[in-house]
Amino acid sequence: MKAFDQGIGMTSQRTRDRLVERLRSEGIRDARVLEAIRSTPRHLFVDEALASRAYEDTALPIGYGQTISQPYIVARMTEQLLQVAPRTVLEVGTGSGYQAAILARLVDKVYSTERIEALATLARQRFRKLGYRNIRVQHSDGSWGWPQFAPFDGIMVTAGGEEIPQALLEQLAPGGQLIMPLGDRNRQTLVTVTRTPSAYERVDLEPVIFVPLIGGTG
C-alpha cells in the first residue's frame, strides 16, 4: 500500500481495524469483504475536512446532494452480491468511488455510472491515484445501465427508486443478481433480484434510506 493510503490518527490502520470489528459485530461475516473494508482508505474518498470521521459507521456528505454510504451498508450490499460469485459488476451511482473501490478488490471488473459529471471526474482521479486498473467510469444516466458491456453478473444500485429500471433487469446475466433500495424518499427496503431461466426472483432484506435515483445527467 502506498504511504499516502496509510493515514494517521483518526485515519490510521488501527482506526480502520476498529471499524471492521464493529461491522463484524453487526453481522458482516464474509472475511473477503471485511478485508476489503480494512484495506481501502475511506478517508481519501471524502473531503479533507471530514477525513477524521471517515471510519465512523455513518454516511457522510460528498457534495451535490450526494453521500458516501455508511460502511455497514457498503459491506452488506457487497457481501450479498458476492453470493453469486460475480466476475463483472455494474454499479449505478459512482458517487465518491468508495463502493466501486471495495468491489474492485473482489471482482474482475467494475463498470460504474454517475449522472453528476464532477463526481465522475473526481472518482476517476481517485482511482488513478490509488492504482485501481479494473474500474471503468461513465458519466451517464444510470437507469440506462451500460449496454456496451452487458450482461453483468451483478448490478448494484446505490440510490433508491420506486421501481427497478427495466434496462437494468435486461442487462442482468442469467444467474446474476441485482441489489437495490426500493421505495420512496422516506421508506425504502433493500432488495435483491436474481435472474433465473424463467423469471426474476425478488427477496426483501432490510429497511434502508438512500438518496433518490434521479434520471438525466448534470
Protein backbone atom coordinates (compact mmCIF):
# COMPACT_ATOMS: atom_id res chain seq x y z
CA MET A 1 0.00 0.00 0.00
CA LYS A 2 1.28 3.47 -0.83
CA ALA A 3 2.32 5.70 2.06
CA PHE A 4 -0.43 8.27 1.49
CA ASP A 5 -3.03 5.49 1.88
CA GLN A 6 -2.00 4.70 5.43
CA GLY A 7 -3.34 7.69 7.32
CA ILE A 8 -2.52 8.86 10.84
CA GLY A 9 -4.55 9.47 13.99
CA MET A 10 -8.26 9.14 13.20
CA THR A 11 -7.45 7.75 9.74
CA SER A 12 -4.86 5.20 10.93
CA GLN A 13 -4.91 1.47 10.38
CA ARG A 14 -5.91 0.98 14.00
CA THR A 15 -9.00 3.12 13.41
CA ARG A 16 -9.87 1.05 10.33
CA ASP A 17 -9.46 -2.13 12.36
CA ARG A 18 -11.98 -0.83 14.91
CA LEU A 19 -14.46 -0.20 12.10
CA VAL A 20 -14.00 -3.75 10.83
CA GLU A 21 -14.64 -5.14 14.32
CA ARG A 22 -17.81 -3.08 14.55
CA LEU A 23 -19.02 -4.38 11.18
CA ARG A 24 -18.30 -7.93 12.30
CA SER A 25 -20.35 -7.35 15.45
CA GLU A 26 -23.21 -6.03 13.28
CA GLY A 27 -23.36 -9.27 11.35
CA ILE A 28 -20.94 -8.91 8.42
CA ARG A 29 -19.34 -12.35 8.15
CA ASP A 30 -17.55 -12.55 4.78
CA ALA A 31 -13.82 -12.27 5.51
CA ARG A 32 -13.17 -11.03 1.98
CA VAL A 33 -15.49 -8.07 2.47
CA LEU A 34 -14.06 -7.22 5.89
CA GLU A 35 -10.52 -7.29 4.49
CA ALA A 36 -11.55 -5.05 1.57
CA ILE A 37 -13.01 -2.55 4.07
CA ARG A 38 -9.85 -2.77 6.18
CA SER A 39 -7.58 -2.21 3.16
CA THR A 40 -9.45 0.64 1.46
CA PRO A 41 -8.58 4.20 2.60
CA ARG A 42 -12.07 5.67 3.05
CA HIS A 43 -10.56 8.97 4.21
CA LEU A 44 -9.32 9.55 0.66
CA PHE A 45 -12.89 9.34 -0.68
CA VAL A 46 -14.26 12.23 1.41
CA ASP A 47 -13.41 15.91 1.71
CA GLU A 48 -10.30 16.53 3.79
CA ALA A 49 -12.40 18.38 6.38
CA LEU A 50 -14.33 15.14 7.04
CA ALA A 51 -11.33 12.78 6.98
CA SER A 52 -11.31 12.43 10.77
CA ARG A 53 -14.85 10.95 10.54
CA ALA A 54 -14.12 8.63 7.64
CA TYR A 55 -14.05 5.44 9.75
CA GLU A 56 -17.23 6.15 11.67
CA ASP A 57 -20.05 3.82 10.65
CA THR A 58 -22.09 6.62 9.13
CA ALA A 59 -22.89 8.19 5.76
CA LEU A 60 -21.09 11.46 5.03
CA PRO A 61 -21.83 14.26 2.54
CA ILE A 62 -19.72 14.45 -0.64
CA GLY A 63 -21.39 17.47 -2.25
CA TYR A 64 -24.01 17.84 -4.97
CA GLY A 65 -26.66 16.49 -2.59
CA GLN A 66 -24.96 13.08 -2.50
CA THR A 67 -23.38 10.98 0.24
CA ILE A 68 -20.76 8.29 0.72
CA SER A 69 -22.71 5.33 2.07
CA GLN A 70 -22.47 4.05 5.62
CA PRO A 71 -19.74 1.36 5.78
CA TYR A 72 -22.23 -1.20 7.11
CA ILE A 73 -24.43 -0.73 4.03
CA VAL A 74 -21.41 -0.93 1.71
CA ALA A 75 -20.35 -4.16 3.38
CA ARG A 76 -23.89 -5.59 3.48
CA MET A 77 -24.58 -4.96 -0.20
CA THR A 78 -21.17 -6.25 -1.21
CA GLU A 79 -21.48 -9.39 0.90
CA GLN A 80 -24.89 -10.10 -0.58
CA LEU A 81 -23.74 -9.64 -4.17
CA LEU A 82 -20.75 -11.93 -3.66
CA GLN A 83 -23.13 -14.83 -3.08
CA VAL A 84 -23.47 -15.21 -6.86
CA ALA A 85 -19.66 -15.08 -7.35
CA PRO A 86 -19.76 -12.22 -9.87
CA ARG A 87 -16.87 -11.52 -12.19
CA THR A 88 -18.33 -8.33 -13.68
CA VAL A 89 -20.41 -5.81 -11.74
CA LEU A 90 -22.31 -2.73 -12.87
CA GLU A 91 -22.60 -0.05 -10.21
CA VAL A 92 -25.25 2.63 -10.68
CA GLY A 93 -24.16 5.75 -8.80
CA THR A 94 -20.38 6.10 -8.55
CA GLY A 95 -20.55 8.94 -6.03
CA SER A 96 -17.20 9.27 -4.31
CA GLY A 97 -15.99 5.97 -5.78
CA TYR A 98 -15.68 4.18 -2.43
CA GLN A 99 -18.15 1.39 -3.18
CA ALA A 100 -16.53 0.74 -6.57
CA ALA A 101 -13.13 0.59 -4.88
CA ILE A 102 -14.39 -2.07 -2.46
CA LEU A 103 -15.89 -4.09 -5.32
CA ALA A 104 -12.71 -3.77 -7.38
CA ARG A 105 -10.81 -5.73 -4.72
CA LEU A 106 -13.29 -8.59 -5.02
CA VAL A 107 -14.34 -8.94 -8.67
CA ASP A 108 -12.59 -8.88 -12.04
CA LYS A 109 -14.17 -5.72 -13.47
CA VAL A 110 -16.37 -2.90 -12.19
CA TYR A 111 -18.36 -0.68 -14.56
CA SER A 112 -19.71 2.37 -12.74
CA THR A 113 -22.09 5.07 -13.96
CA GLU A 114 -22.55 8.51 -12.42
CA ARG A 115 -25.01 11.16 -13.56
CA ILE A 116 -23.09 14.09 -11.98
CA GLU A 117 -20.07 14.82 -14.15
CA ALA A 118 -18.00 16.45 -11.40
CA LEU A 119 -18.33 13.37 -9.18
CA ALA A 120 -17.44 11.05 -12.06
CA THR A 121 -14.31 13.11 -12.75
CA LEU A 122 -13.23 13.11 -9.10
CA ALA A 123 -13.78 9.37 -8.82
CA ARG A 124 -11.63 8.70 -11.90
CA GLN A 125 -8.85 10.82 -10.38
CA ARG A 126 -9.01 8.87 -7.11
CA PHE A 127 -8.88 5.54 -8.92
CA ARG A 128 -5.82 6.61 -10.89
CA LYS A 129 -4.07 7.92 -7.77
CA LEU A 130 -4.77 4.73 -5.84
CA GLY A 131 -3.79 2.44 -8.69
CA TYR A 132 -7.13 0.82 -9.50
CA ARG A 133 -6.98 -0.62 -13.02
CA ASN A 134 -10.22 -2.61 -13.15
CA ILE A 135 -12.77 0.19 -12.69
CA ARG A 136 -14.34 1.98 -15.64
CA VAL A 137 -16.49 5.09 -15.02
CA GLN A 138 -19.05 6.61 -17.35
CA HIS A 139 -20.90 9.92 -16.97
CA SER A 140 -24.46 8.91 -17.82
CA ASP A 141 -27.98 8.29 -16.60
CA GLY A 142 -27.54 5.11 -14.56
CA SER A 143 -31.07 3.91 -15.24
CA TRP A 144 -29.89 3.11 -18.78
CA GLY A 145 -27.24 0.74 -17.45
CA TRP A 146 -24.24 0.23 -19.70
CA PRO A 147 -25.39 -1.96 -22.60
CA GLN A 148 -21.98 -1.97 -24.28
CA PHE A 149 -20.57 -4.24 -21.55
CA ALA A 150 -23.70 -6.22 -20.62
CA PRO A 151 -24.64 -8.72 -19.42
CA PHE A 152 -23.40 -8.25 -15.86
CA ASP A 153 -23.13 -10.95 -13.20
CA GLY A 154 -24.02 -8.39 -10.55
CA ILE A 155 -25.71 -4.99 -10.58
CA MET A 156 -25.57 -2.70 -7.55
CA VAL A 157 -27.76 0.40 -7.46
CA THR A 158 -26.65 2.86 -4.78
CA ALA A 159 -29.73 5.12 -4.91
CA GLY A 160 -33.34 4.46 -4.04
CA GLY A 161 -36.21 4.26 -6.50
CA GLU A 162 -39.83 3.17 -6.53
CA GLU A 163 -39.16 0.62 -9.26
CA ILE A 164 -36.21 -1.14 -10.86
CA PRO A 165 -35.35 0.30 -14.28
CA GLN A 166 -36.23 -2.24 -16.97
CA ALA A 167 -32.91 -1.69 -18.73
CA LEU A 168 -31.06 -2.95 -15.66
CA LEU A 169 -33.11 -6.13 -15.48
CA GLU A 170 -32.42 -6.76 -19.16
CA GLN A 171 -28.67 -6.32 -18.61
CA LEU A 172 -28.53 -8.84 -15.74
CA ALA A 173 -26.91 -12.12 -16.76
CA PRO A 174 -28.74 -15.42 -16.20
CA GLY A 175 -28.00 -16.46 -12.62
CA GLY A 176 -26.92 -12.92 -11.83
CA GLN A 177 -28.18 -10.74 -9.00
CA LEU A 178 -29.24 -7.10 -8.72
CA ILE A 179 -29.32 -5.33 -5.36
CA MET A 180 -31.11 -2.01 -4.90
CA PRO A 181 -33.08 0.04 -2.35
CA LEU A 182 -36.76 0.23 -3.38
CA GLY A 183 -39.29 2.73 -2.07
CA ASP A 184 -39.93 6.45 -1.75
CA ARG A 185 -37.72 9.09 -0.11
CA ASN A 186 -38.99 8.25 3.38
CA ARG A 187 -39.24 4.47 3.37
CA GLN A 188 -37.07 2.06 1.42
CA THR A 189 -36.25 -1.64 1.53
CA LEU A 190 -33.03 -3.19 0.32
CA VAL A 191 -33.98 -5.92 -2.15
CA THR A 192 -32.24 -8.45 -4.34
CA VAL A 193 -33.49 -9.68 -7.70
CA THR A 194 -31.98 -12.87 -9.12
CA ARG A 195 -32.45 -13.77 -12.77
CA THR A 196 -33.49 -17.41 -13.19
CA PRO A 197 -34.09 -19.22 -16.51
CA SER A 198 -37.80 -18.37 -16.36
CA ALA A 199 -38.26 -15.36 -14.06
CA TYR A 200 -36.82 -12.66 -11.83
CA GLU A 201 -36.96 -13.64 -8.15
CA ARG A 202 -37.13 -10.85 -5.56
CA VAL A 203 -36.11 -11.08 -1.90
CA ASP A 204 -36.61 -8.23 0.59
CA LEU A 205 -33.69 -7.79 3.01
CA GLU A 206 -33.94 -4.84 5.41
CA PRO A 207 -35.06 -1.20 5.76
CA VAL A 208 -32.62 1.42 4.43
CA ILE A 209 -32.54 5.06 3.37
CA PHE A 210 -30.61 6.15 0.28
CA VAL A 211 -30.54 9.32 -1.81
CA PRO A 212 -33.09 9.08 -4.64
CA LEU A 213 -32.31 7.60 -8.05
CA ILE A 214 -32.70 10.51 -10.47
CA GLY A 215 -32.72 10.28 -14.23
CA GLY A 216 -30.75 12.51 -16.57
CA THR A 217 -27.23 13.91 -16.18
CA GLY A 218 -25.73 17.01 -14.68
